[in-house]
Amino acid sequence: MKKFKELDKLDKPREKLLKRGEKALNEIELISIIIGSGTKGKDLFKISEKILNLIKDKRDVNVKELMKIDGLGLAKASKIIASMELFRRIFMESEELKIRRPEDIYTLVYDIKDKKQEHFILFTLDGSNRVIKRRILFIGTLTHSIVHPREIFAHALNDRAASIIIVHNHPSGNLEPSEDDLRITERIKEAGEIMGIELLDHIIISKKGFKSLFQ
């Protein structure tokens, strides 16, 4: 990626946003719009890239951790944290967040698509398919012996969930389910039928996109 100052005016993030819409911007460009500018000797895109890497490595990053990035002061770090918290409050915790299709879930797990370890995420939903809570249950190589229905449905019962959706990432980029993926899915589906809590979907994601095992 070119340095910010090397870009033509129409290729700069704000102008690109206006001309082509937010989906045309990558994550670094989106962050650069939030923080607005670089500092003397520190390119805006380089700072934005460091912010992105920190957020990906540690999802619950705080202001003090962001301020350790060279060129990022309190004002800009605060904008990043405020933006993240606003997103959580409006979208991640909103009772209006209703799941209608796999794409709706994909937008909520985008942060793990590039992770180098497998992450297993549980979404609990109410009777209207609105998200109650998202939890990362396991990190590491997933097998049917590690992903136990007991752990999953303990949370579902605690949340008084009507249904659940499970998600995990494939660091390899391959979206095809493994034999373990299929066994895990069947095991959880059967347990859900006994518990009266339906497994609505199992979604595999990677840097290449996502795949629903139920569609």
N, C-alpha and C. Protein backbone atom coordinates (compact mmCIF):
# COMPACT_ATOMS: atom_id res chain seq x y z
N MET A 1 0.84 -1.20 0.00
CA MET A 1 0.00 0.00 0.00
C MET A 1 0.88 1.25 0.00
N LYS A 2 0.49 2.24 -0.82
CA LYS A 2 1.23 3.49 -0.88
C LYS A 2 1.08 4.25 0.44
N LYS A 3 2.02 5.18 0.66
CA LYS A 3 1.86 6.07 1.80
C LYS A 3 0.73 7.03 1.51
N PHE A 4 0.12 7.55 2.57
CA PHE A 4 -1.04 8.43 2.41
C PHE A 4 -0.71 9.63 1.52
N LYS A 5 0.46 10.23 1.74
CA LYS A 5 0.83 11.44 0.99
C LYS A 5 1.10 11.16 -0.49
N GLU A 6 1.32 9.90 -0.83
CA GLU A 6 1.60 9.54 -2.23
C GLU A 6 0.33 9.37 -3.06
N LEU A 7 -0.82 9.35 -2.40
CA LEU A 7 -2.07 9.11 -3.11
C LEU A 7 -2.56 10.36 -3.84
N ASP A 8 -3.20 10.14 -4.98
CA ASP A 8 -3.91 11.22 -5.65
C ASP A 8 -5.10 11.59 -4.78
N LYS A 9 -5.57 12.80 -4.91
CA LYS A 9 -6.66 13.30 -4.07
C LYS A 9 -7.88 12.38 -4.12
N LEU A 10 -8.27 11.91 -5.31
CA LEU A 10 -9.48 11.10 -5.46
C LEU A 10 -9.32 9.69 -4.90
N ASP A 11 -8.06 9.28 -4.63
CA ASP A 11 -7.81 7.95 -4.07
C ASP A 11 -7.68 7.96 -2.55
N LYS A 12 -7.75 9.15 -1.95
CA LYS A 12 -7.66 9.24 -0.50
C LYS A 12 -8.96 8.74 0.13
N PRO A 13 -8.88 8.17 1.34
CA PRO A 13 -10.03 7.48 1.92
C PRO A 13 -11.34 8.27 1.95
N ARG A 14 -11.30 9.53 2.36
CA ARG A 14 -12.56 10.29 2.45
C ARG A 14 -13.19 10.47 1.07
N GLU A 15 -12.35 10.82 0.09
CA GLU A 15 -12.85 11.01 -1.27
C GLU A 15 -13.33 9.70 -1.86
N LYS A 16 -12.61 8.62 -1.55
CA LYS A 16 -12.99 7.28 -2.02
C LYS A 16 -14.32 6.85 -1.40
N LEU A 17 -14.50 7.17 -0.13
CA LEU A 17 -15.76 6.87 0.56
C LEU A 17 -16.93 7.59 -0.10
N LEU A 18 -16.73 8.86 -0.41
CA LEU A 18 -17.78 9.65 -1.04
C LEU A 18 -18.11 9.15 -2.44
N LYS A 19 -17.08 8.76 -3.17
CA LYS A 19 -17.25 8.38 -4.57
C LYS A 19 -17.75 6.94 -4.72
N ARG A 20 -17.22 6.01 -3.90
CA ARG A 20 -17.49 4.59 -4.12
C ARG A 20 -18.21 3.88 -2.98
N GLY A 21 -18.36 4.55 -1.83
CA GLY A 21 -19.05 3.95 -0.70
C GLY A 21 -18.11 3.23 0.24
N GLU A 22 -18.60 2.94 1.45
CA GLU A 22 -17.75 2.38 2.52
C GLU A 22 -17.23 0.99 2.22
N LYS A 23 -17.94 0.20 1.43
CA LYS A 23 -17.50 -1.17 1.15
C LYS A 23 -16.26 -1.22 0.26
N ALA A 24 -15.96 -0.11 -0.40
CA ALA A 24 -14.78 -0.05 -1.28
C ALA A 24 -13.50 0.18 -0.49
N LEU A 25 -13.62 0.51 0.79
CA LEU A 25 -12.45 0.81 1.61
C LEU A 25 -12.00 -0.43 2.38
N ASN A 26 -10.69 -0.60 2.49
CA ASN A 26 -10.19 -1.69 3.34
C ASN A 26 -10.12 -1.21 4.79
N GLU A 27 -9.73 -2.12 5.69
CA GLU A 27 -9.76 -1.80 7.12
C GLU A 27 -8.81 -0.65 7.47
N ILE A 28 -7.65 -0.62 6.84
CA ILE A 28 -6.67 0.45 7.11
C ILE A 28 -7.23 1.80 6.71
N GLU A 29 -7.89 1.84 5.56
CA GLU A 29 -8.48 3.09 5.10
C GLU A 29 -9.61 3.55 6.03
N LEU A 30 -10.41 2.61 6.52
CA LEU A 30 -11.50 2.96 7.44
C LEU A 30 -10.94 3.55 8.73
N ILE A 31 -9.89 2.93 9.26
CA ILE A 31 -9.28 3.44 10.50
C ILE A 31 -8.67 4.82 10.25
N SER A 32 -8.07 5.01 9.08
CA SER A 32 -7.44 6.30 8.77
C SER A 32 -8.47 7.43 8.75
N ILE A 33 -9.70 7.13 8.35
CA ILE A 33 -10.76 8.14 8.38
C ILE A 33 -11.10 8.51 9.83
N ILE A 34 -11.11 7.52 10.71
CA ILE A 34 -11.43 7.79 12.12
C ILE A 34 -10.37 8.67 12.77
N ILE A 35 -9.09 8.35 12.56
CA ILE A 35 -8.04 9.12 13.25
C ILE A 35 -7.68 10.41 12.51
N GLY A 36 -7.99 10.48 11.22
CA GLY A 36 -7.91 11.75 10.49
C GLY A 36 -6.58 12.12 9.88
N SER A 37 -5.50 11.96 10.63
CA SER A 37 -4.19 12.38 10.11
C SER A 37 -3.07 11.65 10.84
N GLY A 38 -1.91 11.68 10.20
CA GLY A 38 -0.72 11.13 10.85
C GLY A 38 -0.04 12.21 11.67
N THR A 39 1.19 11.97 12.03
CA THR A 39 1.98 12.97 12.74
C THR A 39 3.28 13.17 12.00
N LYS A 40 4.07 14.11 12.41
CA LYS A 40 5.33 14.41 11.74
C LYS A 40 6.22 13.16 11.69
N GLY A 41 6.54 12.73 10.48
CA GLY A 41 7.39 11.56 10.30
C GLY A 41 6.67 10.24 10.42
N LYS A 42 5.36 10.26 10.70
CA LYS A 42 4.58 9.03 10.85
C LYS A 42 3.41 9.03 9.87
N ASP A 43 3.49 8.15 8.89
CA ASP A 43 2.46 8.07 7.87
C ASP A 43 1.13 7.60 8.43
N LEU A 44 0.04 8.21 7.98
CA LEU A 44 -1.30 7.88 8.46
C LEU A 44 -1.62 6.41 8.27
N PHE A 45 -1.29 5.86 7.11
CA PHE A 45 -1.59 4.45 6.83
C PHE A 45 -0.77 3.52 7.70
N LYS A 46 0.48 3.89 7.99
CA LYS A 46 1.33 3.05 8.83
C LYS A 46 0.78 2.99 10.26
N ILE A 47 0.32 4.14 10.76
CA ILE A 47 -0.28 4.17 12.08
C ILE A 47 -1.56 3.34 12.10
N SER A 48 -2.37 3.49 11.04
CA SER A 48 -3.63 2.76 10.94
C SER A 48 -3.39 1.25 10.88
N GLU A 49 -2.36 0.85 10.19
CA GLU A 49 -2.03 -0.58 10.09
C GLU A 49 -1.65 -1.15 11.45
N LYS A 50 -0.89 -0.39 12.23
CA LYS A 50 -0.51 -0.85 13.56
C LYS A 50 -1.73 -0.96 14.48
N ILE A 51 -2.65 -0.02 14.34
CA ILE A 51 -3.89 -0.07 15.11
C ILE A 51 -4.67 -1.33 14.76
N LEU A 52 -4.80 -1.58 13.45
CA LEU A 52 -5.54 -2.76 12.98
C LEU A 52 -4.93 -4.04 13.51
N ASN A 53 -3.62 -4.16 13.45
CA ASN A 53 -2.94 -5.38 13.93
C ASN A 53 -3.15 -5.58 15.43
N LEU A 54 -3.12 -4.48 16.19
CA LEU A 54 -3.32 -4.58 17.64
C LEU A 54 -4.74 -5.03 17.94
N ILE A 55 -5.72 -4.47 17.24
CA ILE A 55 -7.11 -4.84 17.47
C ILE A 55 -7.36 -6.30 17.12
N LYS A 56 -6.73 -6.76 16.03
CA LYS A 56 -6.89 -8.16 15.63
C LYS A 56 -6.26 -9.11 16.63
N ASP A 57 -5.09 -8.72 17.17
CA ASP A 57 -4.40 -9.58 18.12
C ASP A 57 -5.08 -9.58 19.49
N LYS A 58 -5.63 -8.43 19.85
CA LYS A 58 -6.27 -8.32 21.17
C LYS A 58 -7.57 -7.56 21.01
N ARG A 59 -8.65 -8.28 20.96
CA ARG A 59 -9.95 -7.69 20.63
C ARG A 59 -10.40 -6.63 21.64
N ASP A 60 -10.09 -6.84 22.92
CA ASP A 60 -10.51 -5.90 23.97
C ASP A 60 -9.41 -4.90 24.28
N VAL A 61 -8.90 -4.26 23.26
CA VAL A 61 -7.82 -3.28 23.43
C VAL A 61 -8.35 -2.05 24.15
N ASN A 62 -7.48 -1.36 24.91
CA ASN A 62 -7.90 -0.15 25.61
C ASN A 62 -7.07 1.05 25.17
N VAL A 63 -7.41 2.23 25.68
CA VAL A 63 -6.77 3.48 25.26
C VAL A 63 -5.27 3.46 25.53
N LYS A 64 -4.89 2.99 26.71
CA LYS A 64 -3.47 3.00 27.07
C LYS A 64 -2.65 2.10 26.13
N GLU A 65 -3.22 0.98 25.74
CA GLU A 65 -2.51 0.09 24.81
C GLU A 65 -2.38 0.72 23.44
N LEU A 66 -3.41 1.40 22.99
CA LEU A 66 -3.34 2.09 21.70
C LEU A 66 -2.31 3.21 21.72
N MET A 67 -2.20 3.90 22.84
CA MET A 67 -1.27 5.03 22.93
C MET A 67 0.20 4.62 22.91
N LYS A 68 0.45 3.32 23.03
CA LYS A 68 1.82 2.82 22.91
C LYS A 68 2.29 2.82 21.46
N ILE A 69 1.34 2.94 20.54
CA ILE A 69 1.69 3.01 19.12
C ILE A 69 2.29 4.39 18.84
N ASP A 70 3.48 4.41 18.28
CA ASP A 70 4.18 5.66 17.99
C ASP A 70 3.36 6.50 17.01
N GLY A 71 3.07 7.73 17.40
CA GLY A 71 2.29 8.61 16.55
C GLY A 71 0.82 8.67 16.90
N LEU A 72 0.43 7.93 17.93
CA LEU A 72 -0.98 7.90 18.32
C LEU A 72 -1.13 8.44 19.74
N GLY A 73 -1.74 9.62 19.84
CA GLY A 73 -1.94 10.24 21.14
C GLY A 73 -3.30 9.93 21.74
N LEU A 74 -3.60 10.60 22.83
CA LEU A 74 -4.84 10.34 23.55
C LEU A 74 -6.07 10.65 22.70
N ALA A 75 -6.04 11.77 21.98
CA ALA A 75 -7.22 12.17 21.20
C ALA A 75 -7.58 11.13 20.15
N LYS A 76 -6.60 10.66 19.40
CA LYS A 76 -6.86 9.70 18.34
C LYS A 76 -7.17 8.31 18.90
N ALA A 77 -6.47 7.92 19.94
CA ALA A 77 -6.75 6.63 20.58
C ALA A 77 -8.16 6.62 21.14
N SER A 78 -8.59 7.75 21.67
CA SER A 78 -9.95 7.85 22.23
C SER A 78 -11.00 7.70 21.14
N LYS A 79 -10.74 8.24 19.96
CA LYS A 79 -11.68 8.10 18.84
C LYS A 79 -11.86 6.64 18.43
N ILE A 80 -10.76 5.90 18.43
CA ILE A 80 -10.83 4.48 18.07
C ILE A 80 -11.65 3.71 19.10
N ILE A 81 -11.35 3.91 20.37
CA ILE A 81 -12.07 3.20 21.44
C ILE A 81 -13.55 3.58 21.44
N ALA A 82 -13.83 4.87 21.26
CA ALA A 82 -15.22 5.32 21.24
C ALA A 82 -15.98 4.69 20.08
N SER A 83 -15.34 4.59 18.92
CA SER A 83 -15.97 3.98 17.74
C SER A 83 -16.27 2.50 17.99
N MET A 84 -15.32 1.79 18.59
CA MET A 84 -15.50 0.37 18.87
C MET A 84 -16.62 0.15 19.89
N GLU A 85 -16.65 0.98 20.92
CA GLU A 85 -17.67 0.82 21.95
C GLU A 85 -19.06 1.16 21.41
N LEU A 86 -19.14 2.17 20.57
CA LEU A 86 -20.42 2.53 19.96
C LEU A 86 -20.94 1.38 19.11
N PHE A 87 -20.03 0.75 18.35
CA PHE A 87 -20.43 -0.40 17.53
C PHE A 87 -20.97 -1.52 18.41
N ARG A 88 -20.26 -1.81 19.51
CA ARG A 88 -20.69 -2.88 20.41
C ARG A 88 -22.09 -2.60 20.97
N ARG A 89 -22.29 -1.35 21.40
CA ARG A 89 -23.57 -1.02 22.04
C ARG A 89 -24.73 -1.06 21.06
N ILE A 90 -24.51 -0.57 19.87
CA ILE A 90 -25.59 -0.49 18.90
C ILE A 90 -25.85 -1.82 18.21
N PHE A 91 -24.77 -2.52 17.85
CA PHE A 91 -24.93 -3.71 17.04
C PHE A 91 -24.71 -5.01 17.80
N MET A 92 -23.63 -5.10 18.58
CA MET A 92 -23.31 -6.35 19.26
C MET A 92 -24.26 -6.64 20.42
N GLU A 93 -24.77 -5.62 21.09
CA GLU A 93 -25.60 -5.83 22.27
C GLU A 93 -27.04 -5.40 22.06
N SER A 94 -27.36 -4.92 20.86
CA SER A 94 -28.70 -4.41 20.61
C SER A 94 -29.71 -5.55 20.50
N GLU A 95 -30.85 -5.37 21.13
CA GLU A 95 -31.92 -6.35 21.02
C GLU A 95 -32.50 -6.37 19.62
N GLU A 96 -32.18 -5.34 18.82
CA GLU A 96 -32.71 -5.27 17.47
C GLU A 96 -31.83 -6.02 16.47
N LEU A 97 -30.72 -6.60 16.94
CA LEU A 97 -29.84 -7.33 16.05
C LEU A 97 -30.45 -8.69 15.76
N LYS A 98 -31.17 -8.77 14.66
CA LYS A 98 -31.89 -9.98 14.31
C LYS A 98 -31.16 -10.71 13.19
N ILE A 99 -30.98 -12.01 13.36
CA ILE A 99 -30.27 -12.82 12.38
C ILE A 99 -31.27 -13.42 11.39
N ARG A 100 -31.10 -13.05 10.13
CA ARG A 100 -32.00 -13.54 9.09
C ARG A 100 -31.31 -14.47 8.11
N ARG A 101 -29.99 -14.34 7.99
CA ARG A 101 -29.23 -15.14 7.03
C ARG A 101 -27.78 -15.22 7.52
N PRO A 102 -26.99 -16.15 6.96
CA PRO A 102 -25.59 -16.31 7.41
C PRO A 102 -24.76 -15.04 7.30
N GLU A 103 -25.05 -14.20 6.30
CA GLU A 103 -24.30 -12.95 6.13
C GLU A 103 -24.39 -12.07 7.36
N ASP A 104 -25.53 -12.13 8.07
CA ASP A 104 -25.70 -11.31 9.27
C ASP A 104 -24.71 -11.72 10.36
N ILE A 105 -24.46 -13.01 10.47
CA ILE A 105 -23.49 -13.50 11.45
C ILE A 105 -22.07 -13.18 11.01
N TYR A 106 -21.79 -13.30 9.72
CA TYR A 106 -20.44 -13.06 9.21
C TYR A 106 -19.94 -11.67 9.60
N THR A 107 -20.80 -10.68 9.56
CA THR A 107 -20.39 -9.32 9.92
C THR A 107 -20.01 -9.20 11.39
N LEU A 108 -20.47 -10.17 12.22
CA LEU A 108 -20.21 -10.12 13.66
C LEU A 108 -18.98 -10.94 14.06
N VAL A 109 -18.40 -11.66 13.10
CA VAL A 109 -17.21 -12.46 13.42
C VAL A 109 -16.05 -12.11 12.49
N TYR A 110 -16.17 -10.97 11.84
CA TYR A 110 -15.16 -10.55 10.87
C TYR A 110 -13.78 -10.42 11.51
N ASP A 111 -13.76 -10.16 12.82
CA ASP A 111 -12.50 -9.94 13.52
C ASP A 111 -11.65 -11.21 13.64
N ILE A 112 -12.22 -12.40 13.41
CA ILE A 112 -11.42 -13.62 13.56
C ILE A 112 -11.05 -14.26 12.23
N LYS A 113 -11.41 -13.63 11.12
CA LYS A 113 -11.19 -14.27 9.82
C LYS A 113 -9.70 -14.47 9.51
N ASP A 114 -8.84 -13.63 10.07
CA ASP A 114 -7.41 -13.72 9.80
C ASP A 114 -6.61 -14.31 10.96
N LYS A 115 -7.30 -14.80 11.98
CA LYS A 115 -6.59 -15.34 13.14
C LYS A 115 -5.78 -16.58 12.75
N LYS A 116 -4.63 -16.75 13.39
CA LYS A 116 -3.74 -17.87 13.07
C LYS A 116 -4.12 -19.13 13.84
N GLN A 117 -4.98 -18.99 14.84
CA GLN A 117 -5.51 -20.15 15.56
C GLN A 117 -7.01 -20.23 15.34
N GLU A 118 -7.54 -21.44 15.44
CA GLU A 118 -8.98 -21.59 15.31
C GLU A 118 -9.68 -21.01 16.53
N HIS A 119 -10.74 -20.27 16.29
CA HIS A 119 -11.59 -19.71 17.34
C HIS A 119 -12.99 -20.28 17.17
N PHE A 120 -13.57 -20.75 18.26
CA PHE A 120 -14.92 -21.30 18.23
C PHE A 120 -15.84 -20.34 18.97
N ILE A 121 -16.84 -19.80 18.26
CA ILE A 121 -17.71 -18.77 18.81
C ILE A 121 -19.14 -19.28 18.91
N LEU A 122 -19.77 -18.96 20.01
CA LEU A 122 -21.17 -19.31 20.23
C LEU A 122 -22.02 -18.05 20.27
N PHE A 123 -23.10 -18.07 19.48
CA PHE A 123 -24.12 -17.02 19.55
C PHE A 123 -25.39 -17.64 20.15
N THR A 124 -25.91 -17.03 21.18
CA THR A 124 -27.22 -17.44 21.70
C THR A 124 -28.26 -16.46 21.18
N LEU A 125 -29.44 -16.98 20.83
CA LEU A 125 -30.49 -16.17 20.25
C LEU A 125 -31.82 -16.39 20.97
N ASP A 126 -32.66 -15.36 20.93
CA ASP A 126 -33.98 -15.50 21.53
C ASP A 126 -34.97 -16.06 20.51
N GLY A 127 -36.24 -16.09 20.88
CA GLY A 127 -37.24 -16.69 20.01
C GLY A 127 -37.49 -15.94 18.72
N SER A 128 -37.02 -14.69 18.64
CA SER A 128 -37.17 -13.89 17.42
C SER A 128 -35.87 -13.84 16.62
N ASN A 129 -34.94 -14.73 16.94
CA ASN A 129 -33.63 -14.81 16.29
C ASN A 129 -32.79 -13.54 16.50
N ARG A 130 -33.01 -12.89 17.63
CA ARG A 130 -32.17 -11.75 17.98
C ARG A 130 -31.02 -12.24 18.86
N VAL A 131 -29.83 -11.68 18.62
CA VAL A 131 -28.65 -12.10 19.37
C VAL A 131 -28.76 -11.70 20.83
N ILE A 132 -28.58 -12.67 21.69
CA ILE A 132 -28.52 -12.40 23.13
C ILE A 132 -27.08 -12.11 23.53
N LYS A 133 -26.18 -13.01 23.10
CA LYS A 133 -24.78 -12.83 23.47
C LYS A 133 -23.86 -13.60 22.51
N ARG A 134 -22.65 -13.06 22.34
CA ARG A 134 -21.59 -13.74 21.59
C ARG A 134 -20.48 -14.10 22.56
N ARG A 135 -19.99 -15.34 22.46
CA ARG A 135 -18.91 -15.79 23.33
C ARG A 135 -17.86 -16.54 22.52
N ILE A 136 -16.59 -16.28 22.80
CA ILE A 136 -15.52 -17.14 22.27
C ILE A 136 -15.33 -18.25 23.30
N LEU A 137 -15.64 -19.49 22.91
CA LEU A 137 -15.59 -20.61 23.86
C LEU A 137 -14.26 -21.35 23.84
N PHE A 138 -13.67 -21.47 22.66
CA PHE A 138 -12.42 -22.23 22.55
C PHE A 138 -11.49 -21.55 21.57
N ILE A 139 -10.19 -21.66 21.84
CA ILE A 139 -9.15 -21.21 20.91
C ILE A 139 -8.15 -22.34 20.77
N GLY A 140 -7.85 -22.72 19.55
CA GLY A 140 -6.93 -23.82 19.29
C GLY A 140 -7.54 -24.80 18.33
N THR A 141 -6.84 -25.87 18.04
CA THR A 141 -7.35 -26.88 17.13
C THR A 141 -8.61 -27.52 17.69
N LEU A 142 -9.68 -27.46 16.92
CA LEU A 142 -10.98 -27.94 17.41
C LEU A 142 -11.20 -29.40 17.03
N THR A 143 -11.59 -30.19 18.00
CA THR A 143 -11.97 -31.58 17.76
C THR A 143 -13.27 -31.84 18.50
N HIS A 144 -13.94 -32.92 18.15
CA HIS A 144 -15.22 -33.22 18.80
C HIS A 144 -15.04 -33.54 20.28
N SER A 145 -13.81 -33.89 20.68
CA SER A 145 -13.57 -34.17 22.10
C SER A 145 -13.38 -32.88 22.90
N ILE A 146 -12.95 -31.81 22.23
CA ILE A 146 -12.74 -30.53 22.91
C ILE A 146 -14.03 -29.72 22.95
N VAL A 147 -14.73 -29.68 21.81
CA VAL A 147 -15.98 -28.93 21.73
C VAL A 147 -17.10 -29.82 22.26
N HIS A 148 -17.40 -29.67 23.53
CA HIS A 148 -18.39 -30.53 24.17
C HIS A 148 -19.73 -29.81 24.29
N PRO A 149 -20.83 -30.46 23.92
CA PRO A 149 -22.15 -29.83 24.03
C PRO A 149 -22.46 -29.30 25.42
N ARG A 150 -21.90 -29.92 26.46
CA ARG A 150 -22.16 -29.48 27.82
C ARG A 150 -21.81 -28.01 28.02
N GLU A 151 -20.63 -27.61 27.50
CA GLU A 151 -20.19 -26.23 27.62
C GLU A 151 -21.12 -25.28 26.87
N ILE A 152 -21.51 -25.70 25.69
CA ILE A 152 -22.34 -24.86 24.83
C ILE A 152 -23.71 -24.64 25.43
N PHE A 153 -24.36 -25.71 25.83
CA PHE A 153 -25.74 -25.59 26.29
C PHE A 153 -25.85 -25.07 27.72
N ALA A 154 -24.77 -25.11 28.47
CA ALA A 154 -24.77 -24.46 29.79
C ALA A 154 -24.97 -22.96 29.60
N HIS A 155 -24.27 -22.39 28.60
CA HIS A 155 -24.43 -20.96 28.31
C HIS A 155 -25.80 -20.68 27.72
N ALA A 156 -26.26 -21.56 26.83
CA ALA A 156 -27.56 -21.36 26.20
C ALA A 156 -28.68 -21.36 27.24
N LEU A 157 -28.60 -22.27 28.20
CA LEU A 157 -29.61 -22.33 29.25
C LEU A 157 -29.54 -21.10 30.15
N ASN A 158 -28.34 -20.68 30.46
CA ASN A 158 -28.16 -19.50 31.30
C ASN A 158 -28.75 -18.25 30.65
N ASP A 159 -28.63 -18.18 29.31
CA ASP A 159 -29.15 -17.03 28.56
C ASP A 159 -30.64 -17.17 28.23
N ARG A 160 -31.22 -18.32 28.60
CA ARG A 160 -32.61 -18.63 28.24
C ARG A 160 -32.80 -18.55 26.72
N ALA A 161 -31.84 -19.09 26.00
CA ALA A 161 -31.85 -19.02 24.54
C ALA A 161 -32.85 -20.00 23.93
N ALA A 162 -33.44 -19.58 22.82
CA ALA A 162 -34.32 -20.46 22.06
C ALA A 162 -33.54 -21.24 21.01
N SER A 163 -32.41 -20.67 20.59
CA SER A 163 -31.59 -21.32 19.57
C SER A 163 -30.15 -20.82 19.67
N ILE A 164 -29.27 -21.48 18.93
CA ILE A 164 -27.86 -21.08 18.93
C ILE A 164 -27.31 -21.14 17.51
N ILE A 165 -26.24 -20.42 17.29
CA ILE A 165 -25.44 -20.51 16.06
C ILE A 165 -23.99 -20.64 16.49
N ILE A 166 -23.27 -21.56 15.88
CA ILE A 166 -21.85 -21.72 16.18
C ILE A 166 -21.03 -21.32 14.96
N VAL A 167 -19.85 -20.78 15.23
CA VAL A 167 -18.97 -20.29 14.17
C VAL A 167 -17.54 -20.66 14.52
N HIS A 168 -16.76 -21.06 13.53
CA HIS A 168 -15.32 -21.14 13.76
C HIS A 168 -14.58 -20.79 12.48
N ASN A 169 -13.33 -20.40 12.65
CA ASN A 169 -12.51 -19.97 11.51
C ASN A 169 -11.54 -21.06 11.08
N HIS A 170 -11.16 -21.03 9.82
CA HIS A 170 -10.13 -21.90 9.27
C HIS A 170 -8.92 -21.04 8.89
N PRO A 171 -7.85 -21.06 9.69
CA PRO A 171 -6.66 -20.26 9.37
C PRO A 171 -6.05 -20.61 8.01
N SER A 172 -6.26 -21.82 7.52
CA SER A 172 -5.71 -22.23 6.23
C SER A 172 -6.37 -21.50 5.06
N GLY A 173 -7.56 -20.95 5.28
CA GLY A 173 -8.29 -20.29 4.22
C GLY A 173 -9.31 -21.19 3.55
N ASN A 174 -9.15 -22.51 3.73
CA ASN A 174 -10.07 -23.47 3.14
C ASN A 174 -11.42 -23.44 3.86
N LEU A 175 -12.48 -23.29 3.10
CA LEU A 175 -13.81 -23.18 3.70
C LEU A 175 -14.55 -24.51 3.79
N GLU A 176 -13.97 -25.57 3.25
CA GLU A 176 -14.65 -26.87 3.29
C GLU A 176 -14.58 -27.46 4.70
N PRO A 177 -15.69 -28.00 5.19
CA PRO A 177 -15.69 -28.57 6.55
C PRO A 177 -14.86 -29.85 6.63
N SER A 178 -14.17 -30.02 7.73
CA SER A 178 -13.40 -31.25 7.96
C SER A 178 -14.33 -32.31 8.53
N GLU A 179 -13.81 -33.52 8.68
CA GLU A 179 -14.60 -34.58 9.30
C GLU A 179 -14.96 -34.22 10.74
N ASP A 180 -14.01 -33.61 11.45
CA ASP A 180 -14.29 -33.18 12.82
C ASP A 180 -15.37 -32.10 12.84
N ASP A 181 -15.33 -31.19 11.87
CA ASP A 181 -16.36 -30.14 11.79
C ASP A 181 -17.75 -30.76 11.65
N LEU A 182 -17.85 -31.76 10.80
CA LEU A 182 -19.13 -32.42 10.57
C LEU A 182 -19.60 -33.19 11.80
N ARG A 183 -18.65 -33.85 12.48
CA ARG A 183 -19.00 -34.59 13.69
C ARG A 183 -19.45 -33.65 14.80
N ILE A 184 -18.72 -32.54 14.95
CA ILE A 184 -19.09 -31.55 15.97
C ILE A 184 -20.49 -31.02 15.70
N THR A 185 -20.76 -30.70 14.44
CA THR A 185 -22.07 -30.16 14.07
C THR A 185 -23.19 -31.14 14.41
N GLU A 186 -23.01 -32.40 14.04
CA GLU A 186 -24.04 -33.39 14.27
C GLU A 186 -24.25 -33.63 15.76
N ARG A 187 -23.16 -33.63 16.50
CA ARG A 187 -23.25 -33.86 17.94
C ARG A 187 -24.01 -32.74 18.64
N ILE A 188 -23.72 -31.51 18.26
CA ILE A 188 -24.39 -30.36 18.88
C ILE A 188 -25.84 -30.29 18.44
N LYS A 189 -26.09 -30.60 17.18
CA LYS A 189 -27.47 -30.60 16.68
C LYS A 189 -28.33 -31.61 17.45
N GLU A 190 -27.80 -32.81 17.65
CA GLU A 190 -28.54 -33.85 18.37
C GLU A 190 -28.77 -33.45 19.82
N ALA A 191 -27.76 -32.86 20.45
CA ALA A 191 -27.91 -32.41 21.84
C ALA A 191 -28.95 -31.31 21.94
N GLY A 192 -28.97 -30.42 20.95
CA GLY A 192 -29.94 -29.34 20.93
C GLY A 192 -31.37 -29.85 20.81
N GLU A 193 -31.55 -30.90 20.03
CA GLU A 193 -32.87 -31.49 19.88
C GLU A 193 -33.38 -32.05 21.20
N ILE A 194 -32.46 -32.63 21.97
CA ILE A 194 -32.83 -33.16 23.29
C ILE A 194 -33.14 -32.03 24.26
N MET A 195 -32.33 -30.95 24.19
CA MET A 195 -32.49 -29.84 25.13
C MET A 195 -33.63 -28.90 24.74
N GLY A 196 -34.10 -29.01 23.49
CA GLY A 196 -35.13 -28.08 23.02
C GLY A 196 -34.56 -26.73 22.64
N ILE A 197 -33.26 -26.71 22.30
CA ILE A 197 -32.59 -25.48 21.85
C ILE A 197 -31.99 -25.78 20.48
N GLU A 198 -32.56 -25.21 19.45
CA GLU A 198 -32.18 -25.57 18.08
C GLU A 198 -30.84 -24.98 17.65
N LEU A 199 -30.04 -25.80 16.99
CA LEU A 199 -28.83 -25.31 16.33
C LEU A 199 -29.25 -24.80 14.96
N LEU A 200 -29.23 -23.47 14.78
CA LEU A 200 -29.70 -22.88 13.53
C LEU A 200 -28.67 -22.97 12.41
N ASP A 201 -27.39 -22.91 12.77
CA ASP A 201 -26.36 -22.96 11.73
C ASP A 201 -24.99 -23.17 12.36
N HIS A 202 -24.09 -23.69 11.54
CA HIS A 202 -22.67 -23.76 11.86
C HIS A 202 -21.97 -23.11 10.68
N ILE A 203 -21.26 -22.03 10.94
CA ILE A 203 -20.64 -21.25 9.88
C ILE A 203 -19.12 -21.31 10.01
N ILE A 204 -18.47 -21.61 8.89
CA ILE A 204 -17.01 -21.60 8.82
C ILE A 204 -16.59 -20.32 8.11
N ILE A 205 -15.63 -19.61 8.68
CA ILE A 205 -15.15 -18.39 8.02
C ILE A 205 -13.64 -18.46 7.82
N SER A 206 -13.17 -17.68 6.86
CA SER A 206 -11.73 -17.53 6.62
C SER A 206 -11.53 -16.22 5.88
N LYS A 207 -10.30 -15.93 5.53
CA LYS A 207 -10.01 -14.71 4.79
C LYS A 207 -10.65 -14.73 3.40
N LYS A 208 -11.11 -15.89 2.97
CA LYS A 208 -11.75 -16.02 1.66
C LYS A 208 -13.26 -15.84 1.70
N GLY A 209 -13.84 -15.75 2.91
CA GLY A 209 -15.28 -15.59 3.01
C GLY A 209 -15.88 -16.50 4.06
N PHE A 210 -17.05 -17.06 3.78
CA PHE A 210 -17.70 -17.92 4.77
C PHE A 210 -18.51 -19.02 4.08
N LYS A 211 -18.81 -20.08 4.86
CA LYS A 211 -19.61 -21.17 4.35
C LYS A 211 -20.56 -21.63 5.45
N SER A 212 -21.84 -21.70 5.12
CA SER A 212 -22.84 -22.22 6.04
C SER A 212 -22.98 -23.72 5.84
N LEU A 213 -22.93 -24.48 6.91
CA LEU A 213 -23.09 -25.93 6.81
C LEU A 213 -24.56 -26.33 6.72
N PHE A 214 -25.45 -25.35 6.90
CA PHE A 214 -26.88 -25.66 6.87
C PHE A 214 -27.57 -25.13 5.62
N GLN A 215 -26.79 -24.64 4.66
CA GLN A 215 -27.40 -24.14 3.43
C GLN A 215 -26.74 -24.76 2.20
